[in-house]
């Protein structure tokens, strides 16, 4: 696995701190998919916005169907999380 520099929560400031705090509120922790984007908080913010639009926005798919698609794509890509 590649090593990618990240900003730890205790060093986060400004927009990144806001994103980390929101991640904790949303999921109870800061997952690596969030941490790996920490060097560019604006990209992180956009990524989370895209995720929310896909998973919670208007659609004929149920939330369960959306999650199942995400699992299949992750498995196909050999993603372990």
Protein backbone atom coordinates (compact mmCIF):
# COMPACT_ATOMS: atom_id res chain seq x y z
CA UNK A 1 0.00 0.00 0.00
CA UNK A 2 1.21 3.49 -0.79
CA UNK A 3 2.07 5.92 1.94
CA UNK A 4 0.40 9.31 1.64
CA UNK A 5 1.13 12.24 3.92
CA UNK A 6 -1.92 13.38 5.86
CA UNK A 7 -2.69 16.06 8.40
CA UNK A 8 -3.62 14.56 11.77
CA UNK A 9 -6.80 15.82 13.45
CA UNK A 10 -4.89 17.58 16.22
CA UNK A 11 -3.09 19.72 13.60
CA UNK A 12 -6.17 20.54 11.51
CA UNK A 13 -7.18 24.18 11.16
CA UNK A 14 -9.84 26.16 9.33
CA UNK A 15 -11.78 24.30 6.65
CA UNK A 16 -9.97 21.03 7.31
CA UNK A 17 -10.88 21.16 11.00
CA UNK A 18 -14.49 21.79 10.01
CA UNK A 19 -14.41 18.79 7.68
CA UNK A 20 -12.80 16.57 10.34
CA UNK A 21 -15.36 17.69 12.94
CA UNK A 22 -18.18 16.96 10.48
CA UNK A 23 -16.71 13.51 9.77
CA UNK A 24 -16.67 12.69 13.47
CA UNK A 25 -20.24 13.91 13.84
CA UNK A 26 -21.34 11.93 10.77
CA UNK A 27 -19.44 8.66 11.31
CA UNK A 28 -17.99 8.78 14.82
CA UNK A 29 -14.44 8.88 13.47
CA UNK A 30 -12.29 10.16 10.62
CA UNK A 31 -11.93 7.43 8.02
CA UNK A 32 -8.78 7.16 5.90
CA UNK A 33 -10.68 8.16 2.76
CA UNK A 34 -11.16 11.55 4.45
CA UNK A 35 -7.63 11.79 5.85
CA UNK A 36 -6.01 11.05 2.51
CA UNK A 37 -7.54 14.26 1.14
CA UNK A 38 -6.44 16.39 4.08
CA UNK A 39 -3.71 18.26 2.22
CA UNK A 40 -6.38 19.93 0.09
CA UNK A 41 -9.46 20.71 2.22
CA UNK A 42 -11.33 22.29 -0.71
CA UNK A 43 -11.04 19.04 -2.66
CA UNK A 44 -12.11 17.12 0.44
CA UNK A 45 -15.15 19.38 0.79
CA UNK A 46 -16.08 18.83 -2.87
CA UNK A 47 -15.56 15.07 -2.55
CA UNK A 48 -17.86 14.86 0.46
CA UNK A 49 -20.42 16.99 -1.38
CA UNK A 50 -20.32 14.59 -4.34
CA UNK A 51 -20.68 11.60 -2.00
CA UNK A 52 -23.70 13.17 -0.30
CA UNK A 53 -25.33 14.02 -3.63
CA UNK A 54 -24.85 10.46 -4.91
CA UNK A 55 -25.92 8.70 -1.72
CA UNK A 56 -28.68 11.01 -0.46
CA UNK A 57 -29.85 13.04 -3.47
CA UNK A 58 -33.03 12.43 -5.42
CA UNK A 59 -32.98 9.10 -7.25
CA UNK A 60 -35.15 6.18 -8.18
CA UNK A 61 -32.64 4.00 -6.32
CA UNK A 62 -33.07 3.30 -2.62
CA UNK A 63 -30.27 4.01 -0.19
CA UNK A 64 -29.72 0.25 0.17
CA UNK A 65 -29.37 -0.12 -3.60
CA UNK A 66 -26.85 2.73 -3.70
CA UNK A 67 -24.82 1.09 -0.93
CA UNK A 68 -24.92 -2.25 -2.75
CA UNK A 69 -23.57 -0.60 -5.90
CA UNK A 70 -20.80 1.02 -3.86
CA UNK A 71 -19.87 -2.36 -2.35
CA UNK A 72 -19.74 -4.06 -5.75
CA UNK A 73 -17.58 -1.28 -7.22
CA UNK A 74 -15.24 -1.40 -4.22
CA UNK A 75 -14.92 -5.17 -4.49
CA UNK A 76 -14.33 -4.98 -8.25
CA UNK A 77 -11.56 -2.45 -7.59
CA UNK A 78 -10.02 -4.63 -4.84
CA UNK A 79 -10.71 -1.87 -2.32
CA UNK A 80 -10.44 -3.31 1.19
CA UNK A 81 -12.51 -0.71 3.05
